N, C-alpha and C. Protein backbone atom coordinates (compact mmCIF):
# COMPACT_ATOMS: atom_id res chain seq x y z
N MET A 1 24.05 -21.23 10.11
CA MET A 1 23.95 -19.77 10.20
C MET A 1 22.55 -19.35 10.56
N LEU A 2 21.59 -20.01 9.94
CA LEU A 2 20.20 -19.68 10.25
C LEU A 2 19.85 -19.91 11.71
N LEU A 3 20.41 -20.99 12.26
CA LEU A 3 20.16 -21.25 13.66
C LEU A 3 20.74 -20.22 14.59
N VAL A 4 21.86 -19.66 14.19
CA VAL A 4 22.48 -18.61 15.00
C VAL A 4 21.59 -17.37 14.95
N ILE A 5 21.11 -17.02 13.75
CA ILE A 5 20.23 -15.91 13.61
C ILE A 5 18.92 -16.09 14.35
N LEU A 6 18.39 -17.28 14.27
CA LEU A 6 17.18 -17.61 15.01
C LEU A 6 17.37 -17.50 16.57
N SER A 7 18.54 -18.00 17.01
CA SER A 7 18.84 -17.88 18.40
C SER A 7 18.92 -16.46 18.92
N PHE A 8 19.60 -15.63 18.17
CA PHE A 8 19.70 -14.20 18.56
C PHE A 8 18.33 -13.53 18.51
N SER A 9 17.56 -13.85 17.48
CA SER A 9 16.24 -13.23 17.40
C SER A 9 15.35 -13.67 18.54
N LEU A 10 15.37 -14.93 18.89
CA LEU A 10 14.60 -15.39 20.07
C LEU A 10 15.07 -14.69 21.35
N PHE A 11 16.37 -14.55 21.48
CA PHE A 11 16.92 -13.91 22.65
C PHE A 11 16.41 -12.46 22.75
N PHE A 12 16.45 -11.73 21.62
CA PHE A 12 15.97 -10.34 21.66
C PHE A 12 14.43 -10.31 21.83
N PHE A 13 13.71 -11.21 21.24
CA PHE A 13 12.26 -11.24 21.41
C PHE A 13 11.89 -11.48 22.89
N ILE A 14 12.49 -12.47 23.49
CA ILE A 14 12.20 -12.81 24.88
C ILE A 14 12.69 -11.69 25.84
N GLY A 15 13.85 -11.16 25.49
CA GLY A 15 14.40 -10.05 26.34
C GLY A 15 13.57 -8.79 26.24
N SER A 16 12.80 -8.61 25.21
CA SER A 16 12.01 -7.41 25.07
C SER A 16 10.89 -7.30 26.09
N PHE A 17 10.55 -8.39 26.77
CA PHE A 17 9.50 -8.38 27.78
C PHE A 17 9.97 -7.71 29.08
N GLN A 18 11.22 -7.40 29.17
CA GLN A 18 11.78 -6.69 30.37
C GLN A 18 11.47 -5.20 30.27
N TYR A 19 11.10 -4.70 29.07
CA TYR A 19 10.89 -3.28 28.86
C TYR A 19 9.42 -2.94 28.92
N SER A 20 9.15 -1.63 28.95
CA SER A 20 7.76 -1.18 28.87
C SER A 20 7.17 -1.51 27.52
N ALA A 21 5.89 -1.43 27.41
CA ALA A 21 5.22 -1.82 26.14
C ALA A 21 5.72 -0.94 24.99
N GLU A 22 5.95 0.39 25.23
CA GLU A 22 6.39 1.26 24.17
C GLU A 22 7.83 0.92 23.76
N ALA A 23 8.71 0.69 24.75
CA ALA A 23 10.10 0.44 24.44
C ALA A 23 10.30 -0.94 23.78
N ALA A 24 9.39 -1.84 24.05
CA ALA A 24 9.51 -3.18 23.53
C ALA A 24 8.98 -3.39 22.12
N GLN A 25 8.28 -2.39 21.63
CA GLN A 25 7.66 -2.52 20.29
C GLN A 25 8.69 -2.85 19.20
N PHE A 26 9.73 -2.04 19.12
CA PHE A 26 10.69 -2.15 18.09
C PHE A 26 11.43 -3.49 18.10
N PRO A 27 12.05 -3.89 19.24
CA PRO A 27 12.72 -5.19 19.27
C PRO A 27 11.81 -6.33 19.00
N ARG A 28 10.57 -6.34 19.51
CA ARG A 28 9.66 -7.37 19.29
C ARG A 28 9.26 -7.45 17.77
N PHE A 29 9.02 -6.36 17.20
CA PHE A 29 8.59 -6.31 15.81
C PHE A 29 9.73 -6.82 14.87
N THR A 30 10.99 -6.28 15.05
CA THR A 30 12.01 -6.66 14.21
C THR A 30 12.47 -8.11 14.40
N SER A 31 12.55 -8.53 15.69
CA SER A 31 12.96 -9.92 15.91
C SER A 31 11.81 -10.88 15.50
N GLY A 32 10.58 -10.44 15.60
CA GLY A 32 9.49 -11.29 15.13
C GLY A 32 9.56 -11.53 13.63
N ILE A 33 9.85 -10.45 12.90
CA ILE A 33 9.99 -10.60 11.45
C ILE A 33 11.17 -11.52 11.09
N VAL A 34 12.27 -11.38 11.77
CA VAL A 34 13.40 -12.23 11.55
C VAL A 34 13.10 -13.69 11.85
N ILE A 35 12.44 -13.93 12.99
CA ILE A 35 12.09 -15.30 13.41
C ILE A 35 11.16 -15.87 12.35
N PHE A 36 10.20 -15.17 11.89
CA PHE A 36 9.27 -15.64 10.85
C PHE A 36 10.00 -15.98 9.57
N GLY A 37 10.93 -15.07 9.14
CA GLY A 37 11.67 -15.33 7.93
C GLY A 37 12.57 -16.53 8.05
N VAL A 38 13.26 -16.69 9.16
CA VAL A 38 14.14 -17.85 9.34
C VAL A 38 13.32 -19.11 9.38
N LEU A 39 12.21 -19.12 10.07
CA LEU A 39 11.38 -20.33 10.08
C LEU A 39 10.84 -20.64 8.69
N LEU A 40 10.52 -19.65 7.89
CA LEU A 40 10.07 -19.89 6.49
C LEU A 40 11.21 -20.58 5.71
N ILE A 41 12.42 -20.05 5.83
CA ILE A 41 13.53 -20.62 5.12
C ILE A 41 13.81 -22.05 5.61
N LEU A 42 13.77 -22.27 6.92
CA LEU A 42 14.02 -23.60 7.43
C LEU A 42 12.95 -24.60 7.01
N ALA A 43 11.73 -24.16 6.85
CA ALA A 43 10.60 -25.06 6.51
C ALA A 43 10.34 -25.06 5.02
N SER A 44 11.21 -24.45 4.20
CA SER A 44 10.94 -24.31 2.83
C SER A 44 10.78 -25.66 2.06
N ASP A 45 11.44 -26.72 2.55
CA ASP A 45 11.29 -27.98 1.94
C ASP A 45 9.93 -28.62 2.14
N TYR A 46 9.22 -28.15 3.15
CA TYR A 46 7.92 -28.72 3.53
C TYR A 46 6.73 -27.86 3.06
N LEU A 47 7.04 -26.71 2.52
CA LEU A 47 5.99 -25.79 2.06
C LEU A 47 5.47 -26.21 0.70
N PRO A 48 4.22 -25.77 0.30
CA PRO A 48 3.71 -26.08 -1.03
C PRO A 48 4.60 -25.45 -2.08
N GLY A 49 4.57 -25.96 -3.33
CA GLY A 49 5.44 -25.57 -4.41
C GLY A 49 5.65 -24.14 -4.62
N LYS A 50 4.55 -23.43 -4.79
CA LYS A 50 4.63 -21.95 -5.10
C LYS A 50 5.22 -21.17 -3.90
N VAL A 51 4.78 -21.50 -2.74
CA VAL A 51 5.30 -20.85 -1.52
C VAL A 51 6.76 -21.14 -1.34
N SER A 52 7.16 -22.39 -1.54
CA SER A 52 8.55 -22.77 -1.40
C SER A 52 9.44 -22.06 -2.38
N LYS A 53 8.98 -21.96 -3.62
CA LYS A 53 9.70 -21.25 -4.67
C LYS A 53 9.85 -19.76 -4.31
N PHE A 54 8.78 -19.19 -3.81
CA PHE A 54 8.76 -17.73 -3.40
C PHE A 54 9.81 -17.53 -2.29
N VAL A 55 9.90 -18.45 -1.34
CA VAL A 55 10.77 -18.27 -0.18
C VAL A 55 12.26 -18.48 -0.56
N THR A 56 12.50 -19.49 -1.41
CA THR A 56 13.87 -19.83 -1.64
C THR A 56 14.47 -19.21 -2.94
N GLU A 57 13.69 -18.69 -3.84
CA GLU A 57 14.22 -18.15 -5.05
C GLU A 57 14.89 -16.83 -4.84
N PRO A 58 16.11 -16.69 -5.28
CA PRO A 58 16.84 -15.40 -5.09
C PRO A 58 16.19 -14.31 -5.99
N VAL A 59 16.27 -13.11 -5.48
CA VAL A 59 15.63 -11.99 -6.19
C VAL A 59 16.69 -10.91 -6.44
N ASP A 60 16.77 -10.41 -7.69
CA ASP A 60 17.63 -9.33 -8.04
C ASP A 60 16.80 -8.07 -8.06
N LEU A 61 17.19 -7.11 -7.27
CA LEU A 61 16.49 -5.85 -7.22
C LEU A 61 16.66 -5.04 -8.46
N VAL A 62 17.83 -5.19 -9.10
CA VAL A 62 18.14 -4.50 -10.37
C VAL A 62 18.60 -5.64 -11.32
N SER A 63 18.07 -5.58 -12.50
CA SER A 63 18.45 -6.65 -13.46
C SER A 63 19.85 -6.36 -13.97
N ASP A 64 20.50 -7.42 -14.46
CA ASP A 64 21.88 -7.33 -14.96
C ASP A 64 21.96 -6.34 -16.11
N ASP A 65 20.95 -6.29 -16.98
CA ASP A 65 20.95 -5.43 -18.13
C ASP A 65 21.04 -3.96 -17.67
N GLU A 66 20.26 -3.61 -16.67
CA GLU A 66 20.26 -2.23 -16.16
C GLU A 66 21.60 -1.88 -15.59
N LEU A 67 22.22 -2.81 -14.87
CA LEU A 67 23.54 -2.55 -14.32
C LEU A 67 24.58 -2.38 -15.42
N LEU A 68 24.50 -3.23 -16.41
CA LEU A 68 25.50 -3.16 -17.45
C LEU A 68 25.37 -1.88 -18.26
N ASP A 69 24.12 -1.42 -18.54
CA ASP A 69 23.95 -0.19 -19.29
C ASP A 69 24.58 1.01 -18.54
N ASP A 70 24.43 1.02 -17.22
CA ASP A 70 24.94 2.17 -16.39
C ASP A 70 26.46 2.06 -16.24
N VAL A 71 26.98 0.88 -16.22
CA VAL A 71 28.38 0.74 -15.88
C VAL A 71 29.29 0.72 -17.10
N ASP A 72 28.83 0.30 -18.27
CA ASP A 72 29.70 0.10 -19.43
C ASP A 72 30.56 1.31 -19.77
N VAL A 73 29.94 2.54 -19.63
CA VAL A 73 30.65 3.74 -20.04
C VAL A 73 31.88 4.02 -19.23
N LYS A 74 31.83 3.81 -17.91
CA LYS A 74 32.86 4.23 -17.05
C LYS A 74 33.75 3.08 -16.50
N VAL A 75 33.63 1.92 -17.05
CA VAL A 75 34.35 0.74 -16.49
C VAL A 75 35.85 0.97 -16.51
N GLU A 76 36.41 1.34 -17.63
CA GLU A 76 37.85 1.47 -17.70
C GLU A 76 38.38 2.55 -16.85
N GLU A 77 37.68 3.75 -16.82
CA GLU A 77 38.14 4.88 -16.00
C GLU A 77 38.11 4.52 -14.49
N GLU A 78 36.93 3.95 -14.07
CA GLU A 78 36.77 3.62 -12.66
C GLU A 78 37.72 2.60 -12.18
N THR A 79 38.01 1.59 -13.04
CA THR A 79 38.91 0.53 -12.66
C THR A 79 40.30 1.11 -12.38
N GLU A 80 40.80 1.93 -13.28
CA GLU A 80 42.06 2.56 -13.06
C GLU A 80 42.10 3.48 -11.85
N GLU A 81 41.02 4.24 -11.65
CA GLU A 81 40.95 5.12 -10.49
C GLU A 81 40.90 4.33 -9.17
N ASN A 82 40.09 3.25 -9.15
CA ASN A 82 39.95 2.48 -7.91
C ASN A 82 41.29 1.81 -7.54
N VAL A 83 41.98 1.28 -8.56
CA VAL A 83 43.27 0.63 -8.26
C VAL A 83 44.22 1.70 -7.71
N ASN A 84 44.28 2.88 -8.27
CA ASN A 84 45.14 3.90 -7.80
C ASN A 84 44.72 4.38 -6.39
N ASP A 85 43.41 4.48 -6.16
CA ASP A 85 42.93 4.90 -4.81
C ASP A 85 43.31 3.90 -3.76
N GLU A 86 43.12 2.61 -4.09
CA GLU A 86 43.43 1.56 -3.11
C GLU A 86 44.94 1.47 -2.79
N LEU A 87 45.75 1.80 -3.75
CA LEU A 87 47.16 1.72 -3.56
C LEU A 87 47.66 2.89 -2.72
N GLN A 88 46.98 4.04 -2.80
CA GLN A 88 47.42 5.23 -2.07
C GLN A 88 46.86 5.29 -0.68
N ARG A 89 45.89 4.48 -0.31
CA ARG A 89 45.31 4.51 1.02
C ARG A 89 46.11 3.66 1.96
N PRO A 90 46.21 4.14 3.24
CA PRO A 90 47.02 3.35 4.19
C PRO A 90 46.35 2.10 4.69
N VAL A 91 45.03 1.97 4.57
CA VAL A 91 44.31 0.75 5.01
C VAL A 91 43.31 0.36 3.84
N ASN A 92 42.99 -0.95 3.88
CA ASN A 92 42.00 -1.38 2.88
C ASN A 92 40.60 -1.06 3.32
N ALA A 93 39.64 -1.27 2.40
CA ALA A 93 38.25 -0.81 2.69
C ALA A 93 37.62 -1.55 3.86
N SER A 94 37.84 -2.86 3.98
CA SER A 94 37.20 -3.58 5.01
C SER A 94 37.72 -3.20 6.39
N LEU A 95 39.03 -2.96 6.47
CA LEU A 95 39.55 -2.52 7.78
C LEU A 95 39.07 -1.12 8.12
N PHE A 96 38.96 -0.28 7.12
CA PHE A 96 38.45 1.05 7.39
C PHE A 96 36.99 1.00 7.87
N THR A 97 36.16 0.14 7.21
CA THR A 97 34.77 0.04 7.64
C THR A 97 34.67 -0.47 9.03
N ALA A 98 35.45 -1.47 9.40
CA ALA A 98 35.43 -2.04 10.78
C ALA A 98 35.87 -1.00 11.80
N VAL A 99 36.91 -0.27 11.55
CA VAL A 99 37.38 0.77 12.47
C VAL A 99 36.39 1.87 12.57
N LEU A 100 35.80 2.27 11.42
CA LEU A 100 34.81 3.36 11.45
C LEU A 100 33.57 2.93 12.22
N ALA A 101 33.13 1.67 12.07
CA ALA A 101 31.99 1.18 12.82
C ALA A 101 32.28 1.18 14.34
N LEU A 102 33.48 0.77 14.70
CA LEU A 102 33.84 0.81 16.15
C LEU A 102 33.89 2.19 16.66
N VAL A 103 34.46 3.12 15.93
CA VAL A 103 34.48 4.54 16.32
C VAL A 103 33.03 5.09 16.42
N TYR A 104 32.19 4.66 15.47
CA TYR A 104 30.79 5.11 15.51
C TYR A 104 30.10 4.66 16.79
N VAL A 105 30.24 3.42 17.15
CA VAL A 105 29.59 2.87 18.35
C VAL A 105 30.11 3.58 19.59
N LEU A 106 31.42 3.69 19.70
CA LEU A 106 31.98 4.33 20.90
C LEU A 106 31.62 5.78 20.98
N SER A 107 31.72 6.53 19.90
CA SER A 107 31.41 7.96 19.96
C SER A 107 29.90 8.17 20.10
N GLY A 108 29.08 7.23 19.55
CA GLY A 108 27.64 7.34 19.75
C GLY A 108 27.27 7.17 21.24
N HIS A 109 27.97 6.30 21.92
CA HIS A 109 27.69 6.18 23.34
C HIS A 109 28.19 7.38 24.12
N LEU A 110 29.23 8.01 23.63
CA LEU A 110 29.79 9.17 24.33
C LEU A 110 28.94 10.37 24.18
N VAL A 111 28.60 10.72 22.89
CA VAL A 111 27.89 12.02 22.69
C VAL A 111 26.50 11.87 22.08
N GLY A 112 26.07 10.71 21.74
CA GLY A 112 24.73 10.51 21.20
C GLY A 112 24.70 10.15 19.73
N TYR A 113 23.95 9.16 19.41
CA TYR A 113 23.88 8.63 18.04
C TYR A 113 23.25 9.63 17.04
N LEU A 114 22.42 10.48 17.55
CA LEU A 114 21.74 11.47 16.66
C LEU A 114 22.76 12.36 16.02
N TRP A 115 23.82 12.73 16.75
CA TRP A 115 24.80 13.63 16.24
C TRP A 115 25.95 12.91 15.50
N VAL A 116 26.25 11.68 15.84
CA VAL A 116 27.34 10.96 15.29
C VAL A 116 26.96 10.24 13.95
N SER A 117 25.73 9.87 13.82
CA SER A 117 25.30 9.16 12.62
C SER A 117 25.53 9.93 11.33
N PRO A 118 25.22 11.21 11.19
CA PRO A 118 25.51 11.91 9.95
C PRO A 118 27.05 11.99 9.71
N LEU A 119 27.84 12.13 10.75
CA LEU A 119 29.31 12.14 10.60
C LEU A 119 29.80 10.81 10.10
N PHE A 120 29.22 9.72 10.57
CA PHE A 120 29.56 8.42 10.10
C PHE A 120 29.27 8.25 8.64
N VAL A 121 28.06 8.66 8.23
CA VAL A 121 27.70 8.58 6.83
C VAL A 121 28.63 9.46 5.94
N ILE A 122 28.99 10.62 6.39
CA ILE A 122 29.83 11.49 5.61
C ILE A 122 31.27 10.81 5.46
N ALA A 123 31.80 10.33 6.55
CA ALA A 123 33.12 9.69 6.49
C ALA A 123 33.09 8.46 5.57
N TYR A 124 32.04 7.68 5.70
CA TYR A 124 31.94 6.47 4.89
C TYR A 124 31.76 6.81 3.41
N GLY A 125 30.91 7.75 3.13
CA GLY A 125 30.64 8.15 1.73
C GLY A 125 31.88 8.74 1.09
N LEU A 126 32.59 9.62 1.80
CA LEU A 126 33.75 10.24 1.23
C LEU A 126 34.88 9.18 1.02
N TRP A 127 35.03 8.25 1.90
CA TRP A 127 36.07 7.20 1.78
C TRP A 127 35.83 6.38 0.52
N PHE A 128 34.51 6.07 0.25
CA PHE A 128 34.25 5.24 -0.93
C PHE A 128 33.89 6.10 -2.14
N ASN A 129 34.28 7.29 -2.17
CA ASN A 129 34.18 8.24 -3.31
C ASN A 129 32.75 8.35 -3.81
N LEU A 130 31.76 8.42 -2.99
CA LEU A 130 30.42 8.74 -3.41
C LEU A 130 30.32 10.22 -3.82
N PRO A 131 29.46 10.52 -4.71
CA PRO A 131 29.35 11.95 -5.06
C PRO A 131 28.95 12.77 -3.82
N ARG A 132 29.50 13.96 -3.73
CA ARG A 132 29.29 14.78 -2.53
C ARG A 132 27.81 15.10 -2.36
N ARG A 133 27.12 15.27 -3.40
CA ARG A 133 25.66 15.55 -3.28
C ARG A 133 24.90 14.39 -2.63
N VAL A 134 25.31 13.16 -2.99
CA VAL A 134 24.73 11.97 -2.44
C VAL A 134 25.08 11.85 -0.98
N VAL A 135 26.33 12.13 -0.61
CA VAL A 135 26.78 12.07 0.74
C VAL A 135 25.99 13.02 1.62
N ILE A 136 25.86 14.24 1.18
CA ILE A 136 25.13 15.26 1.96
C ILE A 136 23.69 14.84 2.08
N LEU A 137 23.04 14.36 0.98
CA LEU A 137 21.66 13.88 1.07
C LEU A 137 21.49 12.77 2.02
N LEU A 138 22.39 11.79 2.02
CA LEU A 138 22.32 10.65 2.93
C LEU A 138 22.50 11.09 4.37
N ALA A 139 23.43 11.96 4.57
CA ALA A 139 23.69 12.45 5.94
C ALA A 139 22.42 13.18 6.49
N ALA A 140 21.80 13.98 5.65
CA ALA A 140 20.59 14.64 6.07
C ALA A 140 19.46 13.66 6.32
N LEU A 141 19.38 12.66 5.45
CA LEU A 141 18.33 11.59 5.62
C LEU A 141 18.55 10.83 6.91
N VAL A 142 19.78 10.52 7.20
CA VAL A 142 20.12 9.81 8.50
C VAL A 142 19.74 10.69 9.66
N PHE A 143 20.01 11.92 9.60
CA PHE A 143 19.61 12.82 10.71
C PHE A 143 18.09 12.89 10.85
N VAL A 144 17.37 13.02 9.74
CA VAL A 144 15.91 13.07 9.80
C VAL A 144 15.34 11.80 10.37
N VAL A 145 15.82 10.61 9.93
CA VAL A 145 15.36 9.35 10.43
C VAL A 145 15.67 9.22 11.92
N GLY A 146 16.91 9.61 12.29
CA GLY A 146 17.29 9.54 13.68
C GLY A 146 16.40 10.49 14.55
N PHE A 147 16.13 11.70 14.01
CA PHE A 147 15.29 12.59 14.77
C PHE A 147 13.89 12.05 14.88
N GLY A 148 13.42 11.33 13.82
CA GLY A 148 12.13 10.67 13.91
C GLY A 148 12.09 9.69 15.01
N PHE A 149 13.12 8.84 15.12
CA PHE A 149 13.18 7.86 16.20
C PHE A 149 13.21 8.60 17.55
N TYR A 150 13.96 9.70 17.62
CA TYR A 150 14.05 10.46 18.84
C TYR A 150 12.70 11.01 19.26
N SER A 151 11.99 11.64 18.36
CA SER A 151 10.78 12.33 18.71
C SER A 151 9.53 11.42 18.75
N ILE A 152 9.43 10.48 17.82
CA ILE A 152 8.20 9.64 17.79
C ILE A 152 8.28 8.52 18.82
N LEU A 153 9.42 7.83 18.89
CA LEU A 153 9.53 6.73 19.80
C LEU A 153 10.15 7.06 21.14
N ASN A 154 10.40 8.36 21.31
CA ASN A 154 10.98 8.88 22.57
C ASN A 154 12.28 8.14 22.96
N LEU A 155 13.12 7.89 22.01
CA LEU A 155 14.41 7.30 22.27
C LEU A 155 15.43 8.38 22.56
N SER A 156 16.25 8.20 23.56
CA SER A 156 17.15 9.21 23.91
C SER A 156 18.51 9.00 23.17
N ILE A 157 18.51 9.12 21.86
CA ILE A 157 19.71 8.97 21.09
C ILE A 157 20.40 10.25 20.86
N ASP A 158 19.89 11.33 21.46
CA ASP A 158 20.54 12.63 21.37
C ASP A 158 21.57 12.86 22.45
N THR A 159 21.60 11.99 23.45
CA THR A 159 22.54 12.15 24.58
C THR A 159 23.43 10.88 24.68
N GLY A 160 24.56 11.12 25.29
CA GLY A 160 25.49 10.02 25.55
C GLY A 160 26.03 10.18 26.97
N ILE A 161 27.10 9.53 27.22
CA ILE A 161 27.68 9.55 28.58
C ILE A 161 28.22 10.95 28.91
N LEU A 162 28.81 11.59 27.89
CA LEU A 162 29.43 12.96 28.13
C LEU A 162 28.40 14.05 28.03
N ILE A 163 27.43 13.90 27.21
CA ILE A 163 26.48 15.00 26.96
C ILE A 163 25.08 14.60 27.43
């Protein structure tokens, strides 16, 4: 799997030289980071002890104790609700996510990713029963980040084939 990721990253890094210096910054930067990370993982057996441990040791962003404290109260209620929600839905969560991602890519090409991205976040958040406040906040954040890409990097994500 690491070799597949490395191959794609090298492809994108080399392919970025076809673009202008400004347009090539993002693909070079991101693929460079991925290449560096994959090479670190592949060479972890040959690295010094502390560096090897740092590269290969799994990291939990949230400790299990914090998760358990937050979840203990609502476990029984959410389990019953989730089972009922999954039974009433016409498709399972993974199929919904795949179809929504496909619709997102197609509609983004048609009318522009700047406008479609908040709608994608709203649909995804509502499907997975996120609190409405969180969904609205995330949709606004996606729009702000997209607008930042549009204005700072001069990416034309506000237009598509139709608009």
